[in-house]
Amino acid sequence: MARQELEFTHYKKFPLTPVGGKVNGLSERLISGKPNSDHLVRVLEFAPGTDTSLNGVQSHDYWEEVFIIEGSIFDLTLQQTFTAGMVATRPPGMKHGPWKTDEGCIMYEVRHPK
């Protein structure tokens, strides 16, 4: 999906699709860009009880900016909880995760190349 002109639209109007991989409970709503690329805007949803330990610590070759819309995630490496209203800006190569959530978490994610 390429970028498109779009006036305010509720994010729940975009289809919710499972994120492929080892971890169950991760789904996304692709707003624009290409799936699995460094040109992406999406809403990422962690179902209650999701644990991303199978993915291990993550790092990427692109910038990633994240805003937690609702819920919370617990970073298993940092031993810290991140909650609704918090933001992160991660440069290429920054290590983060894995995460666990009891209540579930919904976050807005923007990726762009370095």
C-alpha atoms as a PDB file:
ATOM      1  CA  MET A   1       0.000   0.000   0.000  1.00  0.00           C
ATOM      2  CA  ALA A   2       1.438   3.338  -1.012  1.00  0.00           C
ATOM      3  CA  ARG A   3       0.868   6.556   0.881  1.00  0.00           C
ATOM      4  CA  GLN A   4      -2.463   8.138   0.132  1.00  0.00           C
ATOM      5  CA  GLU A   5      -4.211  11.385   0.848  1.00  0.00           C
ATOM      6  CA  LEU A   6      -6.415  10.787   3.856  1.00  0.00           C
ATOM      7  CA  GLU A   7      -8.412  13.127   6.059  1.00  0.00           C
ATOM      8  CA  PHE A   8      -9.006  12.153   9.695  1.00  0.00           C
ATOM      9  CA  THR A   9     -10.233   8.568   9.853  1.00  0.00           C
ATOM     10  CA  HIS A  10     -10.535   6.332  12.897  1.00  0.00           C
ATOM     11  CA  TYR A  11      -7.715   3.793  12.937  1.00  0.00           C
ATOM     12  CA  LYS A  12     -10.158   0.942  13.572  1.00  0.00           C
ATOM     13  CA  LYS A  13     -11.495   1.421  10.015  1.00  0.00           C
ATOM     14  CA  PHE A  14      -8.268  -0.152   8.702  1.00  0.00           C
ATOM     15  CA  PRO A  15      -8.263  -3.981   8.530  1.00  0.00           C
ATOM     16  CA  LEU A  16      -6.674  -5.758  11.478  1.00  0.00           C
ATOM     17  CA  THR A  17      -4.330  -8.491  10.237  1.00  0.00           C
ATOM     18  CA  PRO A  18      -2.062 -10.849  12.180  1.00  0.00           C
ATOM     19  CA  VAL A  19       1.650 -10.051  12.111  1.00  0.00           C
ATOM     20  CA  GLY A  20       3.441 -13.113  10.766  1.00  0.00           C
ATOM     21  CA  GLY A  21       6.210 -14.699  12.783  1.00  0.00           C
ATOM     22  CA  LYS A  22       6.814 -16.743  15.909  1.00  0.00           C
ATOM     23  CA  VAL A  23       4.643 -14.720  18.310  1.00  0.00           C
ATOM     24  CA  ASN A  24       0.872 -15.091  18.598  1.00  0.00           C
ATOM     25  CA  GLY A  25      -1.181 -12.086  19.669  1.00  0.00           C
ATOM     26  CA  LEU A  26       0.395  -9.399  17.452  1.00  0.00           C
ATOM     27  CA  SER A  27      -1.787  -7.709  14.844  1.00  0.00           C
ATOM     28  CA  GLU A  28      -1.465  -4.576  12.749  1.00  0.00           C
ATOM     29  CA  ARG A  29      -3.543  -2.015  10.929  1.00  0.00           C
ATOM     30  CA  LEU A  30      -1.492  -0.741   7.993  1.00  0.00           C
ATOM     31  CA  ILE A  31      -2.145   2.969   7.498  1.00  0.00           C
ATOM     32  CA  SER A  32       0.379   3.544   4.697  1.00  0.00           C
ATOM     33  CA  GLY A  33       3.646   2.280   3.274  1.00  0.00           C
ATOM     34  CA  LYS A  34       4.762  -1.233   2.486  1.00  0.00           C
ATOM     35  CA  PRO A  35       4.475  -4.125   4.962  1.00  0.00           C
ATOM     36  CA  ASN A  36       7.789  -5.259   6.491  1.00  0.00           C
ATOM     37  CA  SER A  37       9.656  -2.245   5.142  1.00  0.00           C
ATOM     38  CA  ASP A  38      11.334   0.914   6.374  1.00  0.00           C
ATOM     39  CA  HIS A  39       8.488   2.982   4.856  1.00  0.00           C
ATOM     40  CA  LEU A  40       5.576   2.161   7.102  1.00  0.00           C
ATOM     41  CA  VAL A  41       2.890   3.715   9.271  1.00  0.00           C
ATOM     42  CA  ARG A  42       0.772   1.290  11.263  1.00  0.00           C
ATOM     43  CA  VAL A  43      -1.151   0.677  14.441  1.00  0.00           C
ATOM     44  CA  LEU A  44       0.355  -2.344  16.204  1.00  0.00           C
ATOM     45  CA  GLU A  45      -1.866  -4.242  18.618  1.00  0.00           C
ATOM     46  CA  PHE A  46      -0.692  -6.629  21.323  1.00  0.00           C
ATOM     47  CA  ALA A  47      -3.520  -8.867  22.573  1.00  0.00           C
ATOM     48  CA  PRO A  48      -3.743  -9.330  26.344  1.00  0.00           C
ATOM     49  CA  GLY A  49      -1.172 -11.910  27.461  1.00  0.00           C
ATOM     50  CA  THR A  50       1.174 -11.419  24.476  1.00  0.00           C
ATOM     51  CA  ASP A  51       4.843 -12.207  25.173  1.00  0.00           C
ATOM     52  CA  THR A  52       7.403 -11.448  22.428  1.00  0.00           C
ATOM     53  CA  SER A  53      10.285 -13.321  24.100  1.00  0.00           C
ATOM     54  CA  LEU A  54      10.479 -15.695  21.116  1.00  0.00           C
ATOM     55  CA  ASN A  55      11.555 -12.709  18.967  1.00  0.00           C
ATOM     56  CA  GLY A  56      14.344 -11.782  21.367  1.00  0.00           C
ATOM     57  CA  VAL A  57      15.863  -8.320  21.491  1.00  0.00           C
ATOM     58  CA  GLN A  58      15.069  -6.317  18.340  1.00  0.00           C
ATOM     59  CA  SER A  59      17.033  -3.781  16.297  1.00  0.00           C
ATOM     60  CA  HIS A  60      16.381  -2.343  12.842  1.00  0.00           C
ATOM     61  CA  ASP A  61      18.197  -0.529  10.044  1.00  0.00           C
ATOM     62  CA  TYR A  62      15.550   2.240  10.005  1.00  0.00           C
ATOM     63  CA  TRP A  63      14.234   4.922  12.368  1.00  0.00           C
ATOM     64  CA  GLU A  64      11.205   3.890  14.404  1.00  0.00           C
ATOM     65  CA  GLU A  65       8.906   6.221  16.316  1.00  0.00           C
ATOM     66  CA  VAL A  66       6.203   4.830  18.556  1.00  0.00           C
ATOM     67  CA  PHE A  67       3.311   6.300  20.570  1.00  0.00           C
ATOM     68  CA  ILE A  68       1.348   4.111  23.011  1.00  0.00           C
ATOM     69  CA  ILE A  69      -2.348   4.799  22.431  1.00  0.00           C
ATOM     70  CA  GLU A  70      -3.709   2.551  25.169  1.00  0.00           C
ATOM     71  CA  GLY A  71      -2.642  -0.222  27.496  1.00  0.00           C
ATOM     72  CA  SER A  72       0.929  -0.969  28.484  1.00  0.00           C
ATOM     73  CA  ILE A  73       3.937  -3.134  27.698  1.00  0.00           C
ATOM     74  CA  PHE A  74       6.668  -4.388  30.008  1.00  0.00           C
ATOM     75  CA  ASP A  75      10.196  -4.399  28.568  1.00  0.00           C
ATOM     76  CA  LEU A  76      11.782  -7.653  29.741  1.00  0.00           C
ATOM     77  CA  THR A  77      15.338  -6.384  29.172  1.00  0.00           C
ATOM     78  CA  LEU A  78      14.944  -3.012  30.887  1.00  0.00           C
ATOM     79  CA  GLN A  79      12.505  -4.362  33.514  1.00  0.00           C
ATOM     80  CA  GLN A  80      10.348  -1.284  32.931  1.00  0.00           C
ATOM     81  CA  THR A  81       6.679  -0.717  32.096  1.00  0.00           C
ATOM     82  CA  PHE A  82       5.666   1.741  29.370  1.00  0.00           C
ATOM     83  CA  THR A  83       2.108   3.084  29.395  1.00  0.00           C
ATOM     84  CA  ALA A  84      -0.440   5.014  27.321  1.00  0.00           C
ATOM     85  CA  GLY A  85       0.760   8.469  26.320  1.00  0.00           C
ATOM     86  CA  MET A  86       4.453   7.510  26.248  1.00  0.00           C
ATOM     87  CA  VAL A  87       6.608   7.842  23.112  1.00  0.00           C
ATOM     88  CA  ALA A  88       9.865   6.336  21.861  1.00  0.00           C
ATOM     89  CA  THR A  89      12.231   7.389  19.081  1.00  0.00           C
ATOM     90  CA  ARG A  90      14.655   4.646  18.103  1.00  0.00           C
ATOM     91  CA  PRO A  91      17.548   5.275  15.723  1.00  0.00           C
ATOM     92  CA  PRO A  92      18.849   2.495  13.456  1.00  0.00           C
ATOM     93  CA  GLY A  93      20.602  -0.191  15.489  1.00  0.00           C
ATOM     94  CA  MET A  94      19.009   0.670  18.861  1.00  0.00           C
ATOM     95  CA  LYS A  95      18.187  -2.499  20.776  1.00  0.00           C
ATOM     96  CA  HIS A  96      14.720  -2.833  22.334  1.00  0.00           C
ATOM     97  CA  GLY A  97      12.407  -5.487  23.763  1.00  0.00           C
ATOM     98  CA  PRO A  98      11.311  -8.174  24.114  1.00  0.00           C
ATOM     99  CA  TRP A  99       7.992  -7.221  25.692  1.00  0.00           C
ATOM    100  CA  LYS A 100       5.144  -8.725  27.621  1.00  0.00           C
ATOM    101  CA  THR A 101       1.665  -7.337  28.272  1.00  0.00           C
ATOM    102  CA  ASP A 102      -1.028  -8.569  30.606  1.00  0.00           C
ATOM    103  CA  GLU A 103      -3.713  -6.041  29.624  1.00  0.00           C
ATOM    104  CA  GLY A 104      -2.811  -5.587  25.950  1.00  0.00           C
ATOM    105  CA  CYS A 105      -1.297  -2.588  24.203  1.00  0.00           C
ATOM    106  CA  ILE A 106      -2.110  -0.506  21.135  1.00  0.00           C
ATOM    107  CA  MET A 107       0.610   1.665  19.618  1.00  0.00           C
ATOM    108  CA  TYR A 108       1.050   3.943  16.622  1.00  0.00           C
ATOM    109  CA  GLU A 109       4.322   3.253  14.773  1.00  0.00           C
ATOM    110  CA  VAL A 110       6.123   5.247  12.087  1.00  0.00           C
ATOM    111  CA  ARG A 111       9.175   3.843  10.311  1.00  0.00           C
ATOM    112  CA  HIS A 112      11.434   5.801   8.011  1.00  0.00           C
ATOM    113  CA  PRO A 113      14.846   5.091   6.465  1.00  0.00           C
ATOM    114  CA  LYS A 114      18.054   6.405   7.968  1.00  0.00           C
END
